[in-house]
Amino acid sequence: MNKFIDLWKKKKKNEIKVLVEKHGKLKAKAFPGRAAILIKLLDLSENEIEAVYEKSGSPKINNYVPGTRIPIKSDTELNLKELNIIINFAWHISKEIRNYLEADGFEGEVIDIL
């Protein structure tokens, strides 16, 4: 199991590094609490992730991802039509998140955190 986790961490950290170099700080969608573990394992911060966006009305809005300074903002602040890439922290409901984003006009690439 440790070997699998180490390999995932190495590949995903490198993938995010390349994306940040190409696109700048990344925007992310959805923050289930369990994603905090993956964010910590990848040592992600506000240097890589600009913000995480949640559905309007979520009690998570105006807080930070635990253990980071990554803000959690409302989807109303996210212009999906201007984005070409977004990180999905809700990997366990990937299809639902993709459908939600597409319904709001997103045509870019969704990268699942796991």
PDB file of N, CA and C in Angstrom:
ATOM      1  N   MET A   1       0.813  -1.190   0.000  1.00  0.00           N
ATOM      2  CA  MET A   1       0.000   0.000   0.000  1.00  0.00           C
ATOM      3  C   MET A   1       0.862   1.262   0.000  1.00  0.00           C
ATOM      4  N   ASN A   2       1.921   1.272   0.814  1.00  0.00           N
ATOM      5  CA  ASN A   2       2.799   2.437   0.862  1.00  0.00           C
ATOM      6  C   ASN A   2       3.430   2.722  -0.495  1.00  0.00           C
ATOM      7  N   LYS A   3       3.770   1.658  -1.209  1.00  0.00           N
ATOM      8  CA  LYS A   3       4.371   1.826  -2.528  1.00  0.00           C
ATOM      9  C   LYS A   3       3.382   2.502  -3.484  1.00  0.00           C
ATOM     10  N   PHE A   4       2.118   2.077  -3.430  1.00  0.00           N
ATOM     11  CA  PHE A   4       1.069   2.679  -4.259  1.00  0.00           C
ATOM     12  C   PHE A   4       0.899   4.160  -3.923  1.00  0.00           C
ATOM     13  N   ILE A   5       0.843   4.477  -2.626  1.00  0.00           N
ATOM     14  CA  ILE A   5       0.660   5.871  -2.200  1.00  0.00           C
ATOM     15  C   ILE A   5       1.846   6.722  -2.635  1.00  0.00           C
ATOM     16  N   ASP A   6       3.050   6.215  -2.441  1.00  0.00           N
ATOM     17  CA  ASP A   6       4.244   6.967  -2.843  1.00  0.00           C
ATOM     18  C   ASP A   6       4.259   7.235  -4.349  1.00  0.00           C
ATOM     19  N   LEU A   7       3.873   6.239  -5.124  1.00  0.00           N
ATOM     20  CA  LEU A   7       3.834   6.406  -6.578  1.00  0.00           C
ATOM     21  C   LEU A   7       2.765   7.421  -6.972  1.00  0.00           C
ATOM     22  N   TRP A   8       1.581   7.331  -6.376  1.00  0.00           N
ATOM     23  CA  TRP A   8       0.509   8.296  -6.651  1.00  0.00           C
ATOM     24  C   TRP A   8       0.953   9.706  -6.303  1.00  0.00           C
ATOM     25  N   LYS A   9       1.553   9.879  -5.107  1.00  0.00           N
ATOM     26  CA  LYS A   9       2.005  11.205  -4.682  1.00  0.00           C
ATOM     27  C   LYS A   9       2.998  11.792  -5.679  1.00  0.00           C
ATOM     28  N   LYS A  10       3.947  10.996  -6.101  1.00  0.00           N
ATOM     29  CA  LYS A  10       4.973  11.469  -7.032  1.00  0.00           C
ATOM     30  C   LYS A  10       4.350  11.887  -8.366  1.00  0.00           C
ATOM     31  N   LYS A  11       3.480  11.039  -8.910  1.00  0.00           N
ATOM     32  CA  LYS A  11       2.854  11.329 -10.210  1.00  0.00           C
ATOM     33  C   LYS A  11       1.916  12.535 -10.126  1.00  0.00           C
ATOM     34  N   LYS A  12       1.071  12.579  -9.096  1.00  0.00           N
ATOM     35  CA  LYS A  12       0.084  13.658  -8.994  1.00  0.00           C
ATOM     36  C   LYS A  12       0.756  14.989  -8.677  1.00  0.00           C
ATOM     37  N   LYS A  13       1.748  14.986  -7.809  1.00  0.00           N
ATOM     38  CA  LYS A  13       2.478  16.222  -7.480  1.00  0.00           C
ATOM     39  C   LYS A  13       3.153  16.773  -8.737  1.00  0.00           C
ATOM     40  N   ASN A  14       3.754  15.883  -9.534  1.00  0.00           N
ATOM     41  CA  ASN A  14       4.398  16.312 -10.771  1.00  0.00           C
ATOM     42  C   ASN A  14       3.357  16.842 -11.765  1.00  0.00           C
ATOM     43  N   GLU A  15       2.222  16.158 -11.886  1.00  0.00           N
ATOM     44  CA  GLU A  15       1.158  16.604 -12.786  1.00  0.00           C
ATOM     45  C   GLU A  15       0.684  18.008 -12.396  1.00  0.00           C
ATOM     46  N   ILE A  16       0.490  18.243 -11.121  1.00  0.00           N
ATOM     47  CA  ILE A  16       0.040  19.554 -10.659  1.00  0.00           C
ATOM     48  C   ILE A  16       1.114  20.609 -10.891  1.00  0.00           C
ATOM     49  N   LYS A  17       2.366  20.248 -10.654  1.00  0.00           N
ATOM     50  CA  LYS A  17       3.476  21.182 -10.884  1.00  0.00           C
ATOM     51  C   LYS A  17       3.504  21.634 -12.348  1.00  0.00           C
ATOM     52  N   VAL A  18       3.365  20.691 -13.261  1.00  0.00           N
ATOM     53  CA  VAL A  18       3.365  21.001 -14.696  1.00  0.00           C
ATOM     54  C   VAL A  18       2.168  21.899 -15.047  1.00  0.00           C
ATOM     55  N   LEU A  19       0.999  21.594 -14.491  1.00  0.00           N
ATOM     56  CA  LEU A  19      -0.192  22.401 -14.757  1.00  0.00           C
ATOM     57  C   LEU A  19      -0.032  23.830 -14.233  1.00  0.00           C
ATOM     58  N   VAL A  20       0.545  23.972 -13.054  1.00  0.00           N
ATOM     59  CA  VAL A  20       0.765  25.308 -12.480  1.00  0.00           C
ATOM     60  C   VAL A  20       1.761  26.088 -13.329  1.00  0.00           C
ATOM     61  N   GLU A  21       2.810  25.428 -13.792  1.00  0.00           N
ATOM     62  CA  GLU A  21       3.785  26.104 -14.654  1.00  0.00           C
ATOM     63  C   GLU A  21       3.138  26.587 -15.945  1.00  0.00           C
ATOM     64  N   LYS A  22       2.196  25.818 -16.454  1.00  0.00           N
ATOM     65  CA  LYS A  22       1.532  26.156 -17.718  1.00  0.00           C
ATOM     66  C   LYS A  22       0.395  27.166 -17.547  1.00  0.00           C
ATOM     67  N   HIS A  23      -0.413  27.014 -16.482  1.00  0.00           N
ATOM     68  CA  HIS A  23      -1.641  27.802 -16.326  1.00  0.00           C
ATOM     69  C   HIS A  23      -1.618  28.787 -15.166  1.00  0.00           C
ATOM     70  N   GLY A  24      -0.612  28.741 -14.324  1.00  0.00           N
ATOM     71  CA  GLY A  24      -0.616  29.543 -13.105  1.00  0.00           C
ATOM     72  C   GLY A  24      -1.376  28.795 -12.019  1.00  0.00           C
ATOM     73  N   LYS A  25      -1.644  29.499 -10.919  1.00  0.00           N
ATOM     74  CA  LYS A  25      -2.372  28.864  -9.819  1.00  0.00           C
ATOM     75  C   LYS A  25      -3.680  28.281 -10.339  1.00  0.00           C
ATOM     76  N   LEU A  26      -4.009  27.096  -9.850  1.00  0.00           N
ATOM     77  CA  LEU A  26      -5.191  26.381 -10.331  1.00  0.00           C
ATOM     78  C   LEU A  26      -6.405  26.652  -9.467  1.00  0.00           C
ATOM     79  N   LYS A  27      -7.545  26.621 -10.084  1.00  0.00           N
ATOM     80  CA  LYS A  27      -8.818  26.685  -9.374  1.00  0.00           C
ATOM     81  C   LYS A  27      -9.265  25.234  -9.163  1.00  0.00           C
ATOM     82  N   ALA A  28      -9.986  25.025  -8.082  1.00  0.00           N
ATOM     83  CA  ALA A  28     -10.449  23.678  -7.762  1.00  0.00           C
ATOM     84  C   ALA A  28     -11.944  23.702  -7.485  1.00  0.00           C
ATOM     85  N   LYS A  29     -12.583  22.573  -7.690  1.00  0.00           N
ATOM     86  CA  LYS A  29     -14.012  22.434  -7.466  1.00  0.00           C
ATOM     87  C   LYS A  29     -14.259  21.413  -6.380  1.00  0.00           C
ATOM     88  N   ALA A  30     -15.156  21.757  -5.478  1.00  0.00           N
ATOM     89  CA  ALA A  30     -15.692  20.864  -4.457  1.00  0.00           C
ATOM     90  C   ALA A  30     -14.657  20.496  -3.400  1.00  0.00           C
ATOM     91  N   PHE A  31     -15.046  20.641  -2.156  1.00  0.00           N
ATOM     92  CA  PHE A  31     -14.154  20.264  -1.071  1.00  0.00           C
ATOM     93  C   PHE A  31     -14.861  19.368  -0.073  1.00  0.00           C
ATOM     94  N   PRO A  32     -14.857  18.049  -0.334  1.00  0.00           N
ATOM     95  CA  PRO A  32     -15.311  17.133   0.712  1.00  0.00           C
ATOM     96  C   PRO A  32     -14.199  17.058   1.760  1.00  0.00           C
ATOM     97  N   GLY A  33     -14.557  16.927   3.013  1.00  0.00           N
ATOM     98  CA  GLY A  33     -13.562  16.900   4.085  1.00  0.00           C
ATOM     99  C   GLY A  33     -12.452  15.890   3.863  1.00  0.00           C
ATOM    100  N   ARG A  34     -12.794  14.750   3.250  1.00  0.00           N
ATOM    101  CA  ARG A  34     -11.778  13.710   3.035  1.00  0.00           C
ATOM    102  C   ARG A  34     -10.668  14.163   2.089  1.00  0.00           C
ATOM    103  N   ALA A  35     -10.925  15.205   1.299  1.00  0.00           N
ATOM    104  CA  ALA A  35      -9.894  15.717   0.388  1.00  0.00           C
ATOM    105  C   ALA A  35      -8.746  16.373   1.151  1.00  0.00           C
ATOM    106  N   ALA A  36      -8.987  16.780   2.389  1.00  0.00           N
ATOM    107  CA  ALA A  36      -7.924  17.395   3.194  1.00  0.00           C
ATOM    108  C   ALA A  36      -6.741  16.445   3.351  1.00  0.00           C
ATOM    109  N   ILE A  37      -7.021  15.161   3.420  1.00  0.00           N
ATOM    110  CA  ILE A  37      -5.952  14.167   3.548  1.00  0.00           C
ATOM    111  C   ILE A  37      -5.076  14.169   2.305  1.00  0.00           C
ATOM    112  N   LEU A  38      -5.709  14.183   1.133  1.00  0.00           N
ATOM    113  CA  LEU A  38      -4.949  14.169  -0.121  1.00  0.00           C
ATOM    114  C   LEU A  38      -4.180  15.474  -0.314  1.00  0.00           C
ATOM    115  N   ILE A  39      -4.792  16.582   0.040  1.00  0.00           N
ATOM    116  CA  ILE A  39      -4.128  17.886  -0.067  1.00  0.00           C
ATOM    117  C   ILE A  39      -2.886  17.911   0.821  1.00  0.00           C
ATOM    118  N   LYS A  40      -2.997  17.355   2.012  1.00  0.00           N
ATOM    119  CA  LYS A  40      -1.856  17.278   2.930  1.00  0.00           C
ATOM    120  C   LYS A  40      -0.785  16.329   2.386  1.00  0.00           C
ATOM    121  N   LEU A  41      -1.183  15.173   1.878  1.00  0.00           N
ATOM    122  CA  LEU A  41      -0.214  14.228   1.320  1.00  0.00           C
ATOM    123  C   LEU A  41       0.562  14.832   0.160  1.00  0.00           C
ATOM    124  N   LEU A  42      -0.119  15.669  -0.634  1.00  0.00           N
ATOM    125  CA  LEU A  42       0.532  16.302  -1.784  1.00  0.00           C
ATOM    126  C   LEU A  42       1.222  17.619  -1.417  1.00  0.00           C
ATOM    127  N   ASP A  43       1.071  18.024  -0.163  1.00  0.00           N
ATOM    128  CA  ASP A  43       1.664  19.272   0.325  1.00  0.00           C
ATOM    129  C   ASP A  43       1.233  20.462  -0.535  1.00  0.00           C
ATOM    130  N   LEU A  44      -0.067  20.503  -0.873  1.00  0.00           N
ATOM    131  CA  LEU A  44      -0.592  21.600  -1.680  1.00  0.00           C
ATOM    132  C   LEU A  44      -0.882  22.809  -0.797  1.00  0.00           C
ATOM    133  N   SER A  45      -0.716  23.977  -1.386  1.00  0.00           N
ATOM    134  CA  SER A  45      -0.960  25.221  -0.656  1.00  0.00           C
ATOM    135  C   SER A  45      -1.559  26.244  -1.604  1.00  0.00           C
ATOM    136  N   GLU A  46      -1.693  27.457  -1.094  1.00  0.00           N
ATOM    137  CA  GLU A  46      -2.181  28.556  -1.919  1.00  0.00           C
ATOM    138  C   GLU A  46      -1.186  28.909  -3.034  1.00  0.00           C
ATOM    139  N   ASN A  47      -0.008  28.328  -3.013  1.00  0.00           N
ATOM    140  CA  ASN A  47       0.962  28.540  -4.093  1.00  0.00           C
ATOM    141  C   ASN A  47       0.582  27.764  -5.351  1.00  0.00           C
ATOM    142  N   GLU A  48      -0.149  26.662  -5.174  1.00  0.00           N
ATOM    143  CA  GLU A  48      -0.600  25.865  -6.312  1.00  0.00           C
ATOM    144  C   GLU A  48      -2.098  26.020  -6.584  1.00  0.00           C
ATOM    145  N   ILE A  49      -2.887  26.130  -5.521  1.00  0.00           N
ATOM    146  CA  ILE A  49      -4.342  26.187  -5.645  1.00  0.00           C
ATOM    147  C   ILE A  49      -4.818  27.583  -5.248  1.00  0.00           C
ATOM    148  N   GLU A  50      -5.372  28.303  -6.201  1.00  0.00           N
ATOM    149  CA  GLU A  50      -5.850  29.670  -5.950  1.00  0.00           C
ATOM    150  C   GLU A  50      -7.022  29.671  -4.975  1.00  0.00           C
ATOM    151  N   ALA A  51      -7.983  28.782  -5.218  1.00  0.00           N
ATOM    152  CA  ALA A  51      -9.174  28.682  -4.370  1.00  0.00           C
ATOM    153  C   ALA A  51      -9.927  27.408  -4.729  1.00  0.00           C
ATOM    154  N   VAL A  52     -10.779  26.991  -3.800  1.00  0.00           N
ATOM    155  CA  VAL A  52     -11.699  25.872  -4.035  1.00  0.00           C
ATOM    156  C   VAL A  52     -13.099  26.479  -4.066  1.00  0.00           C
ATOM    157  N   TYR A  53     -13.903  26.063  -5.030  1.00  0.00           N
ATOM    158  CA  TYR A  53     -15.237  26.633  -5.215  1.00  0.00           C
ATOM    159  C   TYR A  53     -16.310  25.617  -4.856  1.00  0.00           C
ATOM    160  N   GLU A  54     -17.269  26.085  -4.051  1.00  0.00           N
ATOM    161  CA  GLU A  54     -18.387  25.272  -3.576  1.00  0.00           C
ATOM    162  C   GLU A  54     -19.692  25.891  -4.051  1.00  0.00           C
ATOM    163  N   LYS A  55     -20.736  25.071  -4.098  1.00  0.00           N
ATOM    164  CA  LYS A  55     -22.064  25.573  -4.449  1.00  0.00           C
ATOM    165  C   LYS A  55     -22.459  26.704  -3.509  1.00  0.00           C
ATOM    166  N   SER A  56     -23.118  27.696  -4.077  1.00  0.00           N
ATOM    167  CA  SER A  56     -23.605  28.828  -3.304  1.00  0.00           C
ATOM    168  C   SER A  56     -24.426  28.339  -2.114  1.00  0.00           C
ATOM    169  N   GLY A  57     -24.201  28.929  -0.975  1.00  0.00           N
ATOM    170  CA  GLY A  57     -24.932  28.547   0.223  1.00  0.00           C
ATOM    171  C   GLY A  57     -24.208  27.536   1.094  1.00  0.00           C
ATOM    172  N   SER A  58     -23.119  26.967   0.613  1.00  0.00           N
ATOM    173  CA  SER A  58     -22.371  25.993   1.402  1.00  0.00           C
ATOM    174  C   SER A  58     -21.785  26.664   2.649  1.00  0.00           C
ATOM    175  N   PRO A  59     -21.877  26.014   3.808  1.00  0.00           N
ATOM    176  CA  PRO A  59     -21.283  26.589   5.020  1.00  0.00           C
ATOM    177  C   PRO A  59     -19.747  26.614   4.984  1.00  0.00           C
ATOM    178  N   LYS A  60     -19.146  25.978   3.990  1.00  0.00           N
ATOM    179  CA  LYS A  60     -17.689  25.967   3.865  1.00  0.00           C
ATOM    180  C   LYS A  60     -17.157  27.286   3.295  1.00  0.00           C
ATOM    181  N   ILE A  61     -18.013  28.029   2.592  1.00  0.00           N
ATOM    182  CA  ILE A  61     -17.605  29.275   1.928  1.00  0.00           C
ATOM    183  C   ILE A  61     -17.115  30.284   2.970  1.00  0.00           C
ATOM    184  N   ASN A  62     -16.071  31.021   2.583  1.00  0.00           N
ATOM    185  CA  ASN A  62     -15.413  32.032   3.433  1.00  0.00           C
ATOM    186  C   ASN A  62     -14.575  31.407   4.534  1.00  0.00           C
ATOM    187  N   ASN A  63     -14.235  30.145   4.377  1.00  0.00           N
ATOM    188  CA  ASN A  63     -13.298  29.474   5.268  1.00  0.00           C
ATOM    189  C   ASN A  63     -12.107  29.026   4.426  1.00  0.00           C
ATOM    190  N   TYR A  64     -11.214  28.285   5.035  1.00  0.00           N
ATOM    191  CA  TYR A  64     -10.034  27.772   4.338  1.00  0.00           C
ATOM    192  C   TYR A  64     -10.027  26.254   4.394  1.00  0.00           C
ATOM    193  N   VAL A  65      -9.362  25.657   3.401  1.00  0.00           N
ATOM    194  CA  VAL A  65      -9.106  24.225   3.454  1.00  0.00           C
ATOM    195  C   VAL A  65      -8.278  23.998   4.723  1.00  0.00           C
ATOM    196  N   PRO A  66      -8.670  23.071   5.587  1.00  0.00           N
ATOM    197  CA  PRO A  66      -7.959  22.860   6.850  1.00  0.00           C
ATOM    198  C   PRO A  66      -6.448  22.683   6.666  1.00  0.00           C
ATOM    199  N   GLY A  67      -5.697  23.375   7.499  1.00  0.00           N
ATOM    200  CA  GLY A  67      -4.241  23.279   7.480  1.00  0.00           C
ATOM    201  C   GLY A  67      -3.577  24.066   6.366  1.00  0.00           C
ATOM    202  N   THR A  68      -4.354  24.893   5.647  1.00  0.00           N
ATOM    203  CA  THR A  68      -3.797  25.677   4.535  1.00  0.00           C
ATOM    204  C   THR A  68      -4.359  27.094   4.581  1.00  0.00           C
ATOM    205  N   ARG A  69      -3.916  27.889   3.641  1.00  0.00           N
ATOM    206  CA  ARG A  69      -4.491  29.224   3.418  1.00  0.00           C
ATOM    207  C   ARG A  69      -5.218  29.231   2.070  1.00  0.00           C
ATOM    208  N   ILE A  70      -5.666  28.068   1.625  1.00  0.00           N
ATOM    209  CA  ILE A  70      -6.442  27.965   0.385  1.00  0.00           C
ATOM    210  C   ILE A  70      -7.882  28.338   0.720  1.00  0.00           C
ATOM    211  N   PRO A  71      -8.370  29.459   0.170  1.00  0.00           N
ATOM    212  CA  PRO A  71      -9.735  29.881   0.487  1.00  0.00           C
ATOM    213  C   PRO A  71     -10.785  29.024  -0.209  1.00  0.00           C
ATOM    214  N   ILE A  72     -11.932  28.926   0.445  1.00  0.00           N
ATOM    215  CA  ILE A  72     -13.092  28.265  -0.145  1.00  0.00           C
ATOM    216  C   ILE A  72     -14.086  29.362  -0.493  1.00  0.00           C
ATOM    217  N   LYS A  73     -14.431  29.433  -1.775  1.00  0.00           N
ATOM    218  CA  LYS A  73     -15.284  30.504  -2.290  1.00  0.00           C
ATOM    219  C   LYS A  73     -16.546  29.932  -2.920  1.00  0.00           C
ATOM    220  N   SER A  74     -17.472  30.818  -3.192  1.00  0.00           N
ATOM    221  CA  SER A  74     -18.727  30.435  -3.833  1.00  0.00           C
ATOM    222  C   SER A  74     -18.546  30.276  -5.337  1.00  0.00           C
ATOM    223  N   ASP A  75     -19.287  29.345  -5.908  1.00  0.00           N
ATOM    224  CA  ASP A  75     -19.295  29.170  -7.361  1.00  0.00           C
ATOM    225  C   ASP A  75     -19.684  30.452  -8.087  1.00  0.00           C
ATOM    226  N   THR A  76     -20.404  31.333  -7.414  1.00  0.00           N
ATOM    227  CA  THR A  76     -20.811  32.592  -8.061  1.00  0.00           C
ATOM    228  C   THR A  76     -19.604  33.457  -8.409  1.00  0.00           C
ATOM    229  N   GLU A  77     -18.456  33.197  -7.795  1.00  0.00           N
ATOM    230  CA  GLU A  77     -17.223  33.934  -8.079  1.00  0.00           C
ATOM    231  C   GLU A  77     -16.376  33.270  -9.168  1.00  0.00           C
ATOM    232  N   LEU A  78     -16.853  32.165  -9.704  1.00  0.00           N
ATOM    233  CA  LEU A  78     -16.088  31.376 -10.669  1.00  0.00           C
ATOM    234  C   LEU A  78     -16.662  31.545 -12.063  1.00  0.00           C
ATOM    235  N   ASN A  79     -15.845  32.030 -12.981  1.00  0.00           N
ATOM    236  CA  ASN A  79     -16.274  32.178 -14.374  1.00  0.00           C
ATOM    237  C   ASN A  79     -15.763  30.972 -15.164  1.00  0.00           C
ATOM    238  N   LEU A  80     -16.602  29.969 -15.272  1.00  0.00           N
ATOM    239  CA  LEU A  80     -16.204  28.710 -15.916  1.00  0.00           C
ATOM    240  C   LEU A  80     -15.899  28.872 -17.399  1.00  0.00           C
ATOM    241  N   LYS A  81     -16.497  29.853 -18.033  1.00  0.00           N
ATOM    242  CA  LYS A  81     -16.289  30.025 -19.477  1.00  0.00           C
ATOM    243  C   LYS A  81     -14.892  30.538 -19.786  1.00  0.00           C
ATOM    244  N   GLU A  82     -14.219  31.108 -18.793  1.00  0.00           N
ATOM    245  CA  GLU A  82     -12.853  31.605 -18.986  1.00  0.00           C
ATOM    246  C   GLU A  82     -11.795  30.585 -18.596  1.00  0.00           C
ATOM    247  N   LEU A  83     -12.214  29.488 -17.994  1.00  0.00           N
ATOM    248  CA  LEU A  83     -11.267  28.462 -17.542  1.00  0.00           C
ATOM    249  C   LEU A  83     -11.069  27.376 -18.586  1.00  0.00           C
ATOM    250  N   ASN A  84      -9.858  26.837 -18.624  1.00  0.00           N
ATOM    251  CA  ASN A  84      -9.642  25.684 -19.490  1.00  0.00           C
ATOM    252  C   ASN A  84      -9.217  24.449 -18.698  1.00  0.00           C
ATOM    253  N   ILE A  85      -9.049  24.621 -17.383  1.00  0.00           N
ATOM    254  CA  ILE A  85      -8.693  23.485 -16.538  1.00  0.00           C
ATOM    255  C   ILE A  85      -9.145  23.751 -15.108  1.00  0.00           C
ATOM    256  N   ILE A  86      -9.566  22.687 -14.427  1.00  0.00           N
ATOM    257  CA  ILE A  86      -9.962  22.793 -13.023  1.00  0.00           C
ATOM    258  C   ILE A  86      -9.651  21.463 -12.332  1.00  0.00           C
ATOM    259  N   ILE A  87      -9.229  21.548 -11.072  1.00  0.00           N
ATOM    260  CA  ILE A  87      -8.956  20.354 -10.273  1.00  0.00           C
ATOM    261  C   ILE A  87     -10.241  19.992  -9.524  1.00  0.00           C
ATOM    262  N   ASN A  88     -10.605  18.726  -9.548  1.00  0.00           N
ATOM    263  CA  ASN A  88     -11.777  18.239  -8.834  1.00  0.00           C
ATOM    264  C   ASN A  88     -11.321  17.506  -7.575  1.00  0.00           C
ATOM    265  N   PHE A  89     -11.630  18.085  -6.406  1.00  0.00           N
ATOM    266  CA  PHE A  89     -11.281  17.429  -5.150  1.00  0.00           C
ATOM    267  C   PHE A  89     -12.310  16.380  -4.743  1.00  0.00           C
ATOM    268  N   ALA A  90     -13.470  16.360  -5.389  1.00  0.00           N
ATOM    269  CA  ALA A  90     -14.522  15.376  -5.077  1.00  0.00           C
ATOM    270  C   ALA A  90     -14.436  14.211  -6.066  1.00  0.00           C
ATOM    271  N   TRP A  91     -13.309  13.522  -6.062  1.00  0.00           N
ATOM    272  CA  TRP A  91     -13.040  12.437  -7.009  1.00  0.00           C
ATOM    273  C   TRP A  91     -14.081  11.319  -6.932  1.00  0.00           C
ATOM    274  N   HIS A  92     -14.668  11.127  -5.776  1.00  0.00           N
ATOM    275  CA  HIS A  92     -15.618  10.033  -5.557  1.00  0.00           C
ATOM    276  C   HIS A  92     -16.967  10.277  -6.237  1.00  0.00           C
ATOM    277  N   ILE A  93     -17.214  11.525  -6.671  1.00  0.00           N
ATOM    278  CA  ILE A  93     -18.435  11.849  -7.431  1.00  0.00           C
ATOM    279  C   ILE A  93     -18.030  12.604  -8.701  1.00  0.00           C
ATOM    280  N   SER A  94     -17.001  12.114  -9.334  1.00  0.00           N
ATOM    281  CA  SER A  94     -16.412  12.774 -10.491  1.00  0.00           C
ATOM    282  C   SER A  94     -17.430  13.062 -11.597  1.00  0.00           C
ATOM    283  N   LYS A  95     -18.228  12.081 -11.938  1.00  0.00           N
ATOM    284  CA  LYS A  95     -19.197  12.265 -13.022  1.00  0.00           C
ATOM    285  C   LYS A  95     -20.209  13.360 -12.673  1.00  0.00           C
ATOM    286  N   GLU A  96     -20.678  13.369 -11.442  1.00  0.00           N
ATOM    287  CA  GLU A  96     -21.627  14.392 -10.993  1.00  0.00           C
ATOM    288  C   GLU A  96     -21.004  15.795 -11.090  1.00  0.00           C
ATOM    289  N   ILE A  97     -19.761  15.917 -10.658  1.00  0.00           N
ATOM    290  CA  ILE A  97     -19.072  17.208 -10.716  1.00  0.00           C
ATOM    291  C   ILE A  97     -18.879  17.647 -12.160  1.00  0.00           C
ATOM    292  N   ARG A  98     -18.464  16.735 -13.022  1.00  0.00           N
ATOM    293  CA  ARG A  98     -18.277  17.064 -14.433  1.00  0.00           C
ATOM    294  C   ARG A  98     -19.591  17.518 -15.072  1.00  0.00           C
ATOM    295  N   ASN A  99     -20.674  16.818 -14.780  1.00  0.00           N
ATOM    296  CA  ASN A  99     -21.984  17.209 -15.321  1.00  0.00           C
ATOM    297  C   ASN A  99     -22.396  18.589 -14.818  1.00  0.00           C
ATOM    298  N   TYR A 100     -22.157  18.852 -13.546  1.00  0.00           N
ATOM    299  CA  TYR A 100     -22.477  20.144 -12.943  1.00  0.00           C
ATOM    300  C   TYR A 100     -21.699  21.261 -13.635  1.00  0.00           C
ATOM    301  N   LEU A 101     -20.404  21.046 -13.832  1.00  0.00           N
ATOM    302  CA  LEU A 101     -19.564  22.057 -14.483  1.00  0.00           C
ATOM    303  C   LEU A 101     -19.982  22.290 -15.935  1.00  0.00           C
ATOM    304  N   GLU A 102     -20.232  21.219 -16.656  1.00  0.00           N
ATOM    305  CA  GLU A 102     -20.654  21.333 -18.056  1.00  0.00           C
ATOM    306  C   GLU A 102     -21.991  22.054 -18.175  1.00  0.00           C
ATOM    307  N   ALA A 103     -22.914  21.791 -17.260  1.00  0.00           N
ATOM    308  CA  ALA A 103     -24.216  22.459 -17.279  1.00  0.00           C
ATOM    309  C   ALA A 103     -24.070  23.968 -17.060  1.00  0.00           C
ATOM    310  N   ASP A 104     -22.989  24.364 -16.380  1.00  0.00           N
ATOM    311  CA  ASP A 104     -22.720  25.783 -16.154  1.00  0.00           C
ATOM    312  C   ASP A 104     -21.806  26.390 -17.218  1.00  0.00           C
ATOM    313  N   GLY A 105     -21.534  25.642 -18.283  1.00  0.00           N
ATOM    314  CA  GLY A 105     -20.782  26.185 -19.404  1.00  0.00           C
ATOM    315  C   GLY A 105     -19.309  25.858 -19.464  1.00  0.00           C
ATOM    316  N   PHE A 106     -18.815  25.019 -18.566  1.00  0.00           N
ATOM    317  CA  PHE A 106     -17.398  24.664 -18.584  1.00  0.00           C
ATOM    318  C   PHE A 106     -17.117  23.689 -19.713  1.00  0.00           C
ATOM    319  N   GLU A 107     -16.119  24.011 -20.524  1.00  0.00           N
ATOM    320  CA  GLU A 107     -15.756  23.157 -21.645  1.00  0.00           C
ATOM    321  C   GLU A 107     -14.317  22.662 -21.551  1.00  0.00           C
ATOM    322  N   GLY A 108     -13.657  22.962 -20.446  1.00  0.00           N
ATOM    323  CA  GLY A 108     -12.250  22.615 -20.286  1.00  0.00           C
ATOM    324  C   GLY A 108     -12.039  21.218 -19.731  1.00  0.00           C
ATOM    325  N   GLU A 109     -10.855  21.014 -19.220  1.00  0.00           N
ATOM    326  CA  GLU A 109     -10.435  19.710 -18.699  1.00  0.00           C
ATOM    327  C   GLU A 109     -10.616  19.660 -17.184  1.00  0.00           C
ATOM    328  N   VAL A 110     -11.171  18.561 -16.702  1.00  0.00           N
ATOM    329  CA  VAL A 110     -11.319  18.338 -15.258  1.00  0.00           C
ATOM    330  C   VAL A 110     -10.285  17.301 -14.844  1.00  0.00           C
ATOM    331  N   ILE A 111      -9.457  17.664 -13.880  1.00  0.00           N
ATOM    332  CA  ILE A 111      -8.430  16.765 -13.370  1.00  0.00           C
ATOM    333  C   ILE A 111      -8.848  16.300 -11.984  1.00  0.00           C
ATOM    334  N   ASP A 112      -9.111  15.016 -11.824  1.00  0.00           N
ATOM    335  CA  ASP A 112      -9.466  14.486 -10.508  1.00  0.00           C
ATOM    336  C   ASP A 112      -8.220  14.375  -9.643  1.00  0.00           C
ATOM    337  N   ILE A 113      -8.362  14.719  -8.375  1.00  0.00           N
ATOM    338  CA  ILE A 113      -7.239  14.665  -7.459  1.00  0.00           C
ATOM    339  C   ILE A 113      -6.782  13.226  -7.208  1.00  0.00           C
ATOM    340  N   LEU A 114      -7.705  12.287  -7.345  1.00  0.00           N
ATOM    341  CA  LEU A 114      -7.372  10.874  -7.142  1.00  0.00           C
ATOM    342  C   LEU A 114      -7.936  10.039  -8.268  1.00  0.00           C
TER     343      LEU A 114
END
